[in-house]
């Protein structure tokens, strides 16, 4: 079924007011950050992209608790400012709720780079996977995913072109980028994998 290869289900707190993002077709799009708390207490901040008419129906305000269903999208930033690969959630449905925070992603796509198995400074195995997920009109989203421990070891055997389905969550992490001697804080987004199936 169309769209079932990329499903995101989130629930969290609106962290800031929506800001204009871009024009696509005849529609204006806005973006806003959604804060989603993990069981550990750490907060992942996910960027939500929403059509203006959908946003205006809800009258989005800071700190309201919001459920969002949509798709994980990637955009190749060629402006030279900020991250080169921008990851966001394209909202298809939104509503206010008192439900607990939720962060769930289901993806089916093709491995498009050789998986990279490495170890964290603490000695834990981790494997980076770049997944190409098709969408309509012949376009694809290129989504960075990571597996941990034994799952990482198994994922390292994947070949370019292998089709896989995975479940996980979107995570955000801060890092320092140094360019021309200037250090700036950036945020990276990736899907932390819970399960992988061929």
N, C-alpha and C. Protein backbone atom coordinates (compact mmCIF):
# COMPACT_ATOMS: atom_id res chain seq x y z
N UNK A 1 0.85 -1.18 0.00
CA UNK A 1 0.00 0.00 0.00
C UNK A 1 0.89 1.24 0.00
N UNK A 2 0.54 2.22 -0.81
CA UNK A 2 1.39 3.41 -0.95
C UNK A 2 1.54 4.14 0.38
N UNK A 3 2.74 4.57 0.67
CA UNK A 3 2.98 5.32 1.90
C UNK A 3 3.32 4.46 3.10
N UNK A 4 3.10 3.13 2.99
CA UNK A 4 3.34 2.26 4.14
C UNK A 4 4.83 1.94 4.31
N UNK A 5 5.66 2.36 3.36
CA UNK A 5 7.10 2.11 3.49
C UNK A 5 7.79 3.18 4.32
N UNK A 6 7.02 4.19 4.77
CA UNK A 6 7.59 5.30 5.54
C UNK A 6 6.50 5.87 6.44
N UNK A 7 6.47 5.42 7.69
CA UNK A 7 5.44 5.87 8.63
C UNK A 7 6.10 6.33 9.93
N UNK A 8 5.77 7.56 10.33
CA UNK A 8 6.28 8.12 11.57
C UNK A 8 5.09 8.44 12.47
N UNK A 9 5.18 8.06 13.73
CA UNK A 9 4.11 8.30 14.70
C UNK A 9 4.75 8.94 15.93
N UNK A 10 4.46 10.22 16.17
CA UNK A 10 5.11 10.97 17.24
C UNK A 10 4.09 11.59 18.18
N UNK A 11 4.52 11.84 19.40
CA UNK A 11 3.73 12.61 20.35
C UNK A 11 4.71 13.34 21.25
N UNK A 12 4.56 14.66 21.35
CA UNK A 12 5.50 15.43 22.16
C UNK A 12 5.00 16.85 22.36
N UNK A 13 5.88 17.69 22.89
CA UNK A 13 5.53 19.08 23.21
C UNK A 13 6.09 20.01 22.15
N UNK A 14 5.26 20.96 21.70
CA UNK A 14 5.70 21.96 20.74
C UNK A 14 6.73 22.86 21.43
N UNK A 15 7.94 22.95 20.85
CA UNK A 15 9.05 23.64 21.52
C UNK A 15 9.19 25.11 21.11
N UNK A 16 8.61 25.50 19.97
CA UNK A 16 8.74 26.88 19.51
C UNK A 16 7.65 27.16 18.48
N UNK A 17 7.44 28.45 18.21
CA UNK A 17 6.42 28.84 17.24
C UNK A 17 6.80 28.39 15.83
N UNK A 18 5.80 28.04 14.99
CA UNK A 18 6.09 27.69 13.59
C UNK A 18 6.70 28.86 12.84
N UNK A 19 7.65 28.55 11.96
CA UNK A 19 8.28 29.57 11.11
C UNK A 19 8.15 29.14 9.65
N UNK A 20 8.08 30.12 8.76
CA UNK A 20 7.96 29.82 7.34
C UNK A 20 9.16 28.99 6.90
N UNK A 21 8.91 27.92 6.13
CA UNK A 21 9.97 27.05 5.65
C UNK A 21 10.20 27.23 4.15
N UNK A 22 9.17 26.96 3.33
CA UNK A 22 9.34 27.02 1.89
C UNK A 22 7.98 26.99 1.19
N UNK A 23 8.00 27.20 -0.12
CA UNK A 23 6.81 27.06 -0.95
C UNK A 23 6.98 25.82 -1.80
N UNK A 24 5.97 24.97 -1.83
CA UNK A 24 5.99 23.77 -2.66
C UNK A 24 4.69 23.67 -3.43
N UNK A 25 4.78 23.68 -4.75
CA UNK A 25 3.56 23.72 -5.56
C UNK A 25 2.84 25.03 -5.29
N UNK A 26 1.59 24.94 -4.89
CA UNK A 26 0.82 26.15 -4.55
C UNK A 26 0.67 26.31 -3.06
N UNK A 27 1.42 25.55 -2.27
CA UNK A 27 1.25 25.57 -0.82
C UNK A 27 2.44 26.21 -0.11
N UNK A 28 2.15 26.91 0.98
CA UNK A 28 3.18 27.40 1.89
C UNK A 28 3.39 26.35 2.98
N UNK A 29 4.66 26.12 3.33
CA UNK A 29 4.98 25.16 4.38
C UNK A 29 5.71 25.86 5.53
N UNK A 30 5.40 25.41 6.74
CA UNK A 30 6.03 25.95 7.94
C UNK A 30 6.71 24.82 8.69
N UNK A 31 7.65 25.18 9.56
CA UNK A 31 8.32 24.17 10.38
C UNK A 31 8.32 24.60 11.84
N UNK A 32 8.33 23.60 12.71
CA UNK A 32 8.44 23.87 14.15
C UNK A 32 9.07 22.65 14.82
N UNK A 33 9.75 22.87 15.95
CA UNK A 33 10.37 21.74 16.66
C UNK A 33 9.40 21.08 17.63
N UNK A 34 9.46 19.75 17.68
CA UNK A 34 8.67 18.98 18.63
C UNK A 34 9.63 18.26 19.57
N UNK A 35 9.48 18.48 20.88
CA UNK A 35 10.32 17.82 21.88
C UNK A 35 9.65 16.54 22.36
N UNK A 36 10.40 15.43 22.25
CA UNK A 36 9.87 14.12 22.64
C UNK A 36 10.80 13.54 23.70
N UNK A 37 10.25 13.27 24.86
CA UNK A 37 11.07 12.77 25.98
C UNK A 37 11.19 11.25 25.92
N UNK A 38 12.44 10.76 26.07
CA UNK A 38 12.68 9.31 26.17
C UNK A 38 12.40 8.86 27.59
N UNK A 39 12.35 7.54 27.79
CA UNK A 39 12.18 6.99 29.14
C UNK A 39 13.33 7.41 30.05
N UNK A 40 14.53 7.61 29.44
CA UNK A 40 15.71 8.00 30.22
C UNK A 40 15.65 9.45 30.68
N UNK A 41 14.69 10.23 30.13
CA UNK A 41 14.61 11.65 30.46
C UNK A 41 15.26 12.54 29.42
N UNK A 42 16.10 11.96 28.53
CA UNK A 42 16.71 12.73 27.45
C UNK A 42 15.62 13.14 26.47
N UNK A 43 15.75 14.35 25.91
CA UNK A 43 14.74 14.86 24.98
C UNK A 43 15.30 14.90 23.56
N UNK A 44 14.58 14.27 22.62
CA UNK A 44 14.90 14.38 21.20
C UNK A 44 14.04 15.50 20.61
N UNK A 45 14.67 16.38 19.86
CA UNK A 45 13.95 17.47 19.21
C UNK A 45 13.87 17.17 17.72
N UNK A 46 12.63 17.02 17.22
CA UNK A 46 12.38 16.63 15.83
C UNK A 46 11.72 17.80 15.11
N UNK A 47 12.22 18.12 13.90
CA UNK A 47 11.63 19.20 13.11
C UNK A 47 10.43 18.69 12.33
N UNK A 48 9.30 19.38 12.47
CA UNK A 48 8.06 19.01 11.79
C UNK A 48 7.81 20.02 10.67
N UNK A 49 7.49 19.51 9.47
CA UNK A 49 7.11 20.36 8.34
C UNK A 49 5.61 20.17 8.11
N UNK A 50 4.88 21.29 8.01
CA UNK A 50 3.42 21.19 7.90
C UNK A 50 2.90 22.23 6.91
N UNK A 51 1.85 21.85 6.15
CA UNK A 51 1.21 22.78 5.25
C UNK A 51 0.50 23.87 6.04
N UNK A 52 0.47 25.08 5.50
CA UNK A 52 -0.10 26.23 6.21
C UNK A 52 -1.56 25.99 6.60
N UNK A 53 -2.36 25.43 5.69
CA UNK A 53 -3.78 25.26 6.02
C UNK A 53 -3.99 24.29 7.17
N UNK A 54 -3.17 23.23 7.25
CA UNK A 54 -3.28 22.28 8.35
C UNK A 54 -2.86 22.93 9.67
N UNK A 55 -1.80 23.75 9.60
CA UNK A 55 -1.30 24.43 10.79
C UNK A 55 -2.33 25.43 11.33
N UNK A 56 -2.96 26.17 10.42
CA UNK A 56 -3.92 27.20 10.86
C UNK A 56 -5.16 26.60 11.50
N UNK A 57 -5.56 25.41 11.08
CA UNK A 57 -6.73 24.74 11.68
C UNK A 57 -6.49 24.45 13.14
N UNK A 58 -5.21 24.19 13.51
CA UNK A 58 -4.88 23.79 14.88
C UNK A 58 -4.48 24.96 15.78
N UNK A 59 -4.10 26.09 15.18
CA UNK A 59 -3.60 27.23 15.97
C UNK A 59 -2.48 26.77 16.90
N UNK A 60 -1.40 26.34 16.29
CA UNK A 60 -0.27 25.77 17.05
C UNK A 60 0.36 26.83 17.95
N UNK A 61 0.58 26.49 19.19
CA UNK A 61 1.22 27.37 20.17
C UNK A 61 2.30 26.58 20.91
N UNK A 62 3.26 27.32 21.49
CA UNK A 62 4.32 26.69 22.28
C UNK A 62 3.72 25.83 23.39
N UNK A 63 4.41 24.78 23.71
CA UNK A 63 4.19 23.91 24.88
C UNK A 63 2.93 23.04 24.81
N UNK A 64 2.09 23.21 23.79
CA UNK A 64 0.94 22.31 23.66
C UNK A 64 1.45 20.91 23.32
N UNK A 65 0.74 19.89 23.80
CA UNK A 65 1.11 18.49 23.54
C UNK A 65 0.43 18.05 22.25
N UNK A 66 1.22 17.54 21.30
CA UNK A 66 0.73 17.29 19.95
C UNK A 66 1.10 15.90 19.47
N UNK A 67 0.15 15.23 18.81
CA UNK A 67 0.42 13.97 18.12
C UNK A 67 0.58 14.27 16.63
N UNK A 68 1.61 13.67 16.01
CA UNK A 68 1.88 13.89 14.59
C UNK A 68 2.09 12.54 13.91
N UNK A 69 1.37 12.32 12.81
CA UNK A 69 1.60 11.15 11.96
C UNK A 69 2.06 11.66 10.61
N UNK A 70 3.10 11.04 10.05
CA UNK A 70 3.60 11.52 8.76
C UNK A 70 4.70 10.63 8.21
N UNK A 71 5.62 11.25 7.48
CA UNK A 71 6.73 10.54 6.84
C UNK A 71 8.04 11.23 7.18
N UNK A 72 9.10 10.42 7.28
CA UNK A 72 10.44 10.95 7.50
C UNK A 72 11.01 11.38 6.15
N UNK A 73 11.48 12.61 6.07
CA UNK A 73 11.96 13.15 4.81
C UNK A 73 13.39 13.65 4.95
N UNK A 74 14.12 13.63 3.81
CA UNK A 74 15.47 14.21 3.79
C UNK A 74 15.53 15.27 2.70
N UNK A 75 16.36 16.27 2.94
CA UNK A 75 16.56 17.36 1.99
C UNK A 75 18.04 17.66 1.92
N UNK A 76 18.58 17.71 0.70
CA UNK A 76 20.01 17.99 0.52
C UNK A 76 20.22 19.51 0.52
N UNK A 77 20.81 20.01 1.59
CA UNK A 77 21.02 21.46 1.75
C UNK A 77 22.26 21.89 0.97
N UNK A 78 22.05 22.69 -0.06
CA UNK A 78 23.17 23.15 -0.90
C UNK A 78 23.55 24.60 -0.64
N UNK A 79 22.96 25.20 0.41
CA UNK A 79 23.24 26.61 0.71
C UNK A 79 24.62 26.82 1.33
N UNK A 80 25.16 25.74 1.90
CA UNK A 80 26.48 25.86 2.54
C UNK A 80 26.39 26.25 4.00
N UNK A 81 25.18 26.51 4.51
CA UNK A 81 25.01 26.84 5.93
C UNK A 81 24.32 25.68 6.62
N UNK A 82 24.81 25.34 7.81
CA UNK A 82 24.18 24.26 8.58
C UNK A 82 24.48 22.88 8.00
N UNK A 83 23.69 21.91 8.43
CA UNK A 83 23.90 20.52 8.03
C UNK A 83 23.65 20.34 6.53
N UNK A 84 24.40 19.42 5.91
CA UNK A 84 24.21 19.15 4.48
C UNK A 84 22.96 18.32 4.23
N UNK A 85 22.65 17.41 5.15
CA UNK A 85 21.46 16.58 5.01
C UNK A 85 20.48 16.99 6.10
N UNK A 86 19.34 17.52 5.69
CA UNK A 86 18.33 17.98 6.65
C UNK A 86 17.24 16.91 6.75
N UNK A 87 16.99 16.45 7.96
CA UNK A 87 15.99 15.42 8.22
C UNK A 87 14.81 16.06 8.96
N UNK A 88 13.61 15.80 8.48
CA UNK A 88 12.42 16.34 9.14
C UNK A 88 11.26 15.38 8.96
N UNK A 89 10.16 15.64 9.66
CA UNK A 89 8.95 14.84 9.53
C UNK A 89 7.91 15.66 8.79
N UNK A 90 7.43 15.12 7.66
CA UNK A 90 6.37 15.75 6.88
C UNK A 90 5.04 15.32 7.48
N UNK A 91 4.31 16.28 8.09
CA UNK A 91 3.08 15.96 8.81
C UNK A 91 1.92 15.70 7.86
N UNK A 92 1.23 14.59 8.07
CA UNK A 92 0.02 14.28 7.30
C UNK A 92 -1.22 14.40 8.17
N UNK A 93 -1.03 14.23 9.48
CA UNK A 93 -2.14 14.35 10.43
C UNK A 93 -1.59 14.86 11.75
N UNK A 94 -2.32 15.78 12.38
CA UNK A 94 -1.89 16.33 13.68
C UNK A 94 -3.13 16.58 14.54
N UNK A 95 -2.98 16.35 15.85
CA UNK A 95 -4.07 16.71 16.78
C UNK A 95 -3.48 16.86 18.18
N UNK A 96 -4.13 17.70 18.99
CA UNK A 96 -3.71 17.89 20.37
C UNK A 96 -4.15 16.69 21.19
N UNK A 97 -3.32 16.32 22.17
CA UNK A 97 -3.59 15.11 22.96
C UNK A 97 -2.93 15.22 24.33
N UNK A 98 -3.41 14.40 25.26
CA UNK A 98 -2.76 14.27 26.57
C UNK A 98 -1.98 12.96 26.67
N UNK A 99 -1.86 12.25 25.54
CA UNK A 99 -1.15 10.97 25.54
C UNK A 99 0.32 11.16 25.92
N UNK A 100 0.95 10.06 26.35
CA UNK A 100 2.37 10.09 26.69
C UNK A 100 3.21 10.31 25.44
N UNK A 101 4.44 10.79 25.64
CA UNK A 101 5.35 11.01 24.52
C UNK A 101 5.58 9.70 23.77
N UNK A 102 5.67 9.82 22.45
CA UNK A 102 5.82 8.64 21.60
C UNK A 102 6.75 9.00 20.45
N UNK A 103 7.58 8.03 20.03
CA UNK A 103 8.54 8.25 18.95
C UNK A 103 8.74 6.92 18.23
N UNK A 104 8.00 6.73 17.13
CA UNK A 104 8.00 5.45 16.44
C UNK A 104 8.16 5.68 14.93
N UNK A 105 9.07 4.91 14.32
CA UNK A 105 9.33 5.01 12.88
C UNK A 105 9.34 3.61 12.28
N UNK A 106 8.67 3.44 11.12
CA UNK A 106 8.72 2.19 10.34
C UNK A 106 9.16 2.56 8.93
N UNK A 107 10.23 1.93 8.45
CA UNK A 107 10.77 2.23 7.12
C UNK A 107 11.04 0.94 6.36
N UNK A 108 10.79 0.99 5.05
CA UNK A 108 11.22 -0.07 4.15
C UNK A 108 11.94 0.59 2.99
N UNK A 109 13.17 0.16 2.74
CA UNK A 109 13.95 0.78 1.68
C UNK A 109 15.15 -0.06 1.32
N UNK A 110 16.01 0.51 0.49
CA UNK A 110 17.20 -0.19 0.01
C UNK A 110 18.45 0.41 0.64
N UNK A 111 19.37 -0.47 1.04
CA UNK A 111 20.67 -0.02 1.55
C UNK A 111 21.42 0.63 0.38
N UNK A 112 21.86 1.89 0.54
CA UNK A 112 22.47 2.58 -0.61
C UNK A 112 23.95 2.93 -0.39
N UNK A 113 24.49 2.58 0.78
CA UNK A 113 25.93 2.72 1.03
C UNK A 113 26.37 1.50 1.81
N UNK A 114 27.64 1.15 1.68
CA UNK A 114 28.16 0.01 2.45
C UNK A 114 28.03 0.32 3.95
N UNK A 115 27.35 -0.56 4.71
CA UNK A 115 27.22 -0.31 6.15
C UNK A 115 28.59 -0.17 6.82
N UNK A 116 28.66 0.72 7.80
CA UNK A 116 29.92 1.01 8.47
C UNK A 116 29.85 0.54 9.93
N UNK A 117 30.55 -0.56 10.23
CA UNK A 117 30.59 -1.10 11.60
C UNK A 117 31.75 -0.46 12.34
N UNK A 118 31.47 0.08 13.54
CA UNK A 118 32.52 0.74 14.32
C UNK A 118 32.21 0.55 15.80
N UNK A 119 33.08 1.10 16.64
CA UNK A 119 32.86 1.02 18.09
C UNK A 119 32.79 2.42 18.67
N UNK A 120 31.92 2.61 19.67
CA UNK A 120 31.85 3.89 20.37
C UNK A 120 33.06 3.98 21.30
N UNK A 121 33.37 5.19 21.82
CA UNK A 121 34.48 5.32 22.78
C UNK A 121 34.32 4.41 24.00
N UNK A 122 33.07 4.03 24.30
CA UNK A 122 32.82 3.14 25.44
C UNK A 122 32.94 1.66 25.05
N UNK A 123 33.26 1.39 23.75
CA UNK A 123 33.48 0.02 23.30
C UNK A 123 32.24 -0.70 22.79
N UNK A 124 31.12 -0.01 22.66
CA UNK A 124 29.89 -0.63 22.16
C UNK A 124 29.89 -0.63 20.64
N UNK A 125 29.45 -1.73 20.03
CA UNK A 125 29.39 -1.80 18.57
C UNK A 125 28.21 -1.00 18.03
N UNK A 126 28.46 -0.34 16.91
CA UNK A 126 27.43 0.48 16.27
C UNK A 126 27.64 0.36 14.76
N UNK A 127 26.54 0.33 14.01
CA UNK A 127 26.63 0.21 12.55
C UNK A 127 25.78 1.31 11.91
N UNK A 128 26.41 2.09 11.03
CA UNK A 128 25.71 3.14 10.29
C UNK A 128 25.17 2.56 8.98
N UNK A 129 23.90 2.81 8.71
CA UNK A 129 23.25 2.36 7.48
C UNK A 129 22.58 3.56 6.82
N UNK A 130 22.78 3.75 5.52
CA UNK A 130 22.04 4.78 4.78
C UNK A 130 20.97 4.07 3.97
N UNK A 131 19.71 4.42 4.26
CA UNK A 131 18.57 3.76 3.63
C UNK A 131 17.89 4.70 2.65
N UNK A 132 17.69 4.22 1.42
CA UNK A 132 16.94 4.98 0.40
C UNK A 132 15.50 4.48 0.42
N UNK A 133 14.58 5.39 0.75
CA UNK A 133 13.16 5.05 0.86
C UNK A 133 12.40 5.78 -0.25
N UNK A 134 11.75 5.01 -1.12
CA UNK A 134 11.04 5.61 -2.26
C UNK A 134 9.79 6.35 -1.81
N UNK A 135 9.49 7.45 -2.54
CA UNK A 135 8.19 8.09 -2.40
C UNK A 135 7.65 8.40 -3.79
N UNK A 136 6.53 9.05 -3.87
CA UNK A 136 5.88 9.28 -5.16
C UNK A 136 6.73 10.13 -6.10
N UNK A 137 6.38 10.08 -7.37
CA UNK A 137 7.02 10.88 -8.43
C UNK A 137 8.49 10.54 -8.61
N UNK A 138 8.87 9.30 -8.32
CA UNK A 138 10.22 8.85 -8.57
C UNK A 138 11.28 9.42 -7.65
N UNK A 139 10.87 10.03 -6.55
CA UNK A 139 11.83 10.60 -5.61
C UNK A 139 12.12 9.61 -4.50
N UNK A 140 13.25 9.84 -3.81
CA UNK A 140 13.63 9.00 -2.67
C UNK A 140 14.13 9.88 -1.54
N UNK A 141 13.95 9.39 -0.33
CA UNK A 141 14.55 10.02 0.84
C UNK A 141 15.72 9.17 1.30
N UNK A 142 16.84 9.82 1.61
CA UNK A 142 18.05 9.13 2.06
C UNK A 142 18.17 9.36 3.56
N UNK A 143 17.98 8.28 4.31
CA UNK A 143 17.78 8.40 5.75
C UNK A 143 18.87 7.65 6.52
N UNK A 144 19.66 8.38 7.33
CA UNK A 144 20.70 7.72 8.14
C UNK A 144 20.07 6.94 9.29
N UNK A 145 20.52 5.70 9.45
CA UNK A 145 20.00 4.82 10.49
C UNK A 145 21.19 4.21 11.23
N UNK A 146 20.99 3.87 12.50
CA UNK A 146 22.07 3.23 13.26
C UNK A 146 21.52 2.03 14.03
N UNK A 147 22.33 0.98 14.06
CA UNK A 147 22.01 -0.22 14.83
C UNK A 147 23.08 -0.40 15.91
N UNK A 148 22.69 -1.04 17.01
CA UNK A 148 23.59 -1.20 18.15
C UNK A 148 23.82 -2.66 18.49
N UNK A 149 24.96 -2.94 19.12
CA UNK A 149 25.23 -4.27 19.68
C UNK A 149 25.19 -5.38 18.65
N UNK A 150 24.48 -6.48 18.99
CA UNK A 150 24.40 -7.64 18.10
C UNK A 150 23.68 -7.27 16.80
N UNK A 151 22.69 -6.40 16.90
CA UNK A 151 21.97 -5.94 15.71
C UNK A 151 22.93 -5.22 14.75
N UNK A 152 23.88 -4.47 15.31
CA UNK A 152 24.89 -3.78 14.49
C UNK A 152 25.77 -4.78 13.75
N UNK A 153 26.14 -5.83 14.47
CA UNK A 153 27.01 -6.86 13.86
C UNK A 153 26.30 -7.53 12.68
N UNK A 154 25.01 -7.85 12.87
CA UNK A 154 24.23 -8.47 11.80
C UNK A 154 24.03 -7.51 10.63
N UNK A 155 23.77 -6.23 10.94
CA UNK A 155 23.53 -5.22 9.90
C UNK A 155 24.76 -4.98 9.04
N UNK A 156 25.94 -5.21 9.61
CA UNK A 156 27.18 -4.96 8.87
C UNK A 156 27.33 -5.91 7.68
N UNK A 157 26.57 -7.03 7.68
CA UNK A 157 26.61 -7.99 6.57
C UNK A 157 25.73 -7.58 5.40
N UNK A 158 24.91 -6.53 5.57
CA UNK A 158 24.02 -6.09 4.49
C UNK A 158 24.84 -5.58 3.31
N UNK A 159 24.30 -5.79 2.11
CA UNK A 159 24.96 -5.34 0.89
C UNK A 159 24.19 -4.17 0.27
N UNK A 160 24.90 -3.36 -0.52
CA UNK A 160 24.24 -2.27 -1.24
C UNK A 160 23.17 -2.87 -2.15
N UNK A 161 21.97 -2.31 -2.07
CA UNK A 161 20.85 -2.81 -2.87
C UNK A 161 19.92 -3.72 -2.11
N UNK A 162 20.35 -4.25 -0.94
CA UNK A 162 19.47 -5.09 -0.13
C UNK A 162 18.26 -4.28 0.34
N UNK A 163 17.07 -4.88 0.24
CA UNK A 163 15.86 -4.23 0.75
C UNK A 163 15.60 -4.73 2.16
N UNK A 164 15.38 -3.80 3.08
CA UNK A 164 15.11 -4.16 4.47
C UNK A 164 13.93 -3.34 5.00
N UNK A 165 13.28 -3.88 6.02
CA UNK A 165 12.26 -3.16 6.78
C UNK A 165 12.78 -3.00 8.19
N UNK A 166 12.60 -1.83 8.76
CA UNK A 166 13.09 -1.62 10.12
C UNK A 166 12.10 -0.82 10.94
N UNK A 167 12.21 -1.01 12.26
CA UNK A 167 11.42 -0.23 13.23
C UNK A 167 12.42 0.45 14.15
N UNK A 168 12.07 1.66 14.58
CA UNK A 168 12.96 2.37 15.48
C UNK A 168 12.38 3.69 15.92
N UNK A 169 13.26 4.62 16.26
CA UNK A 169 12.82 5.96 16.68
C UNK A 169 13.78 6.99 16.12
N UNK A 170 13.31 8.23 15.98
CA UNK A 170 14.17 9.32 15.52
C UNK A 170 14.94 9.83 16.73
N UNK A 171 16.24 9.95 16.59
CA UNK A 171 17.00 10.56 17.68
C UNK A 171 17.80 11.75 17.16
N UNK A 172 17.95 12.72 18.03
CA UNK A 172 18.76 13.90 17.71
C UNK A 172 19.95 13.92 18.65
N UNK A 173 21.09 14.36 18.13
CA UNK A 173 22.28 14.49 19.00
C UNK A 173 23.09 15.69 18.56
N UNK A 174 23.65 16.36 19.54
CA UNK A 174 24.47 17.55 19.28
C UNK A 174 25.91 17.12 19.02
N UNK A 175 26.57 17.87 18.14
CA UNK A 175 27.99 17.64 17.93
C UNK A 175 28.64 18.97 17.53
N UNK A 176 29.97 19.01 17.64
CA UNK A 176 30.71 20.24 17.30
C UNK A 176 31.37 20.07 15.95
N UNK A 177 31.13 21.01 15.06
CA UNK A 177 31.75 21.01 13.71
C UNK A 177 32.75 22.15 13.66
N UNK A 178 33.97 21.86 13.21
CA UNK A 178 34.99 22.90 13.09
C UNK A 178 35.26 23.17 11.61
N UNK A 179 35.02 24.42 11.21
CA UNK A 179 35.29 24.85 9.83
C UNK A 179 36.09 26.14 9.86
N UNK A 180 37.23 26.13 9.17
CA UNK A 180 38.12 27.30 9.15
C UNK A 180 38.45 27.79 10.55
N UNK A 181 38.66 26.84 11.45
CA UNK A 181 39.05 27.18 12.82
C UNK A 181 37.92 27.65 13.71
N UNK A 182 36.69 27.69 13.17
CA UNK A 182 35.53 28.13 13.96
C UNK A 182 34.69 26.93 14.34
N UNK A 183 34.40 26.81 15.65
CA UNK A 183 33.60 25.69 16.15
C UNK A 183 32.14 26.11 16.26
N UNK A 184 31.26 25.32 15.67
CA UNK A 184 29.82 25.58 15.79
C UNK A 184 29.11 24.30 16.21
N UNK A 185 28.03 24.49 17.00
CA UNK A 185 27.26 23.34 17.44
C UNK A 185 26.23 23.00 16.38
N UNK A 186 26.16 21.73 16.02
CA UNK A 186 25.19 21.25 15.03
C UNK A 186 24.36 20.15 15.67
N UNK A 187 23.24 19.81 15.02
CA UNK A 187 22.41 18.70 15.46
C UNK A 187 22.30 17.69 14.33
N UNK A 188 22.58 16.43 14.64
CA UNK A 188 22.44 15.34 13.67
C UNK A 188 21.18 14.54 14.03
N UNK A 189 20.51 14.05 12.99
CA UNK A 189 19.32 13.22 13.17
C UNK A 189 19.54 11.88 12.52
N UNK A 190 19.05 10.82 13.17
CA UNK A 190 19.16 9.49 12.61
C UNK A 190 18.06 8.62 13.21
N UNK A 191 17.82 7.50 12.58
CA UNK A 191 16.86 6.53 13.11
C UNK A 191 17.64 5.49 13.91
N UNK A 192 17.34 5.41 15.20
CA UNK A 192 17.95 4.39 16.05
C UNK A 192 17.10 3.12 15.91
N UNK A 193 17.70 2.06 15.35
CA UNK A 193 16.96 0.86 14.97
C UNK A 193 16.72 -0.06 16.16
N UNK A 194 15.48 -0.55 16.25
CA UNK A 194 15.11 -1.53 17.27
C UNK A 194 15.05 -2.93 16.65
N UNK A 195 14.46 -3.03 15.44
CA UNK A 195 14.38 -4.32 14.75
C UNK A 195 14.66 -4.12 13.25
N UNK A 196 15.26 -5.15 12.62
CA UNK A 196 15.49 -5.16 11.16
C UNK A 196 14.98 -6.49 10.63
N UNK A 197 14.28 -6.44 9.49
CA UNK A 197 13.85 -7.67 8.82
C UNK A 197 14.15 -7.57 7.34
N UNK A 198 14.52 -8.69 6.69
CA UNK A 198 14.81 -8.65 5.24
C UNK A 198 13.53 -8.48 4.43
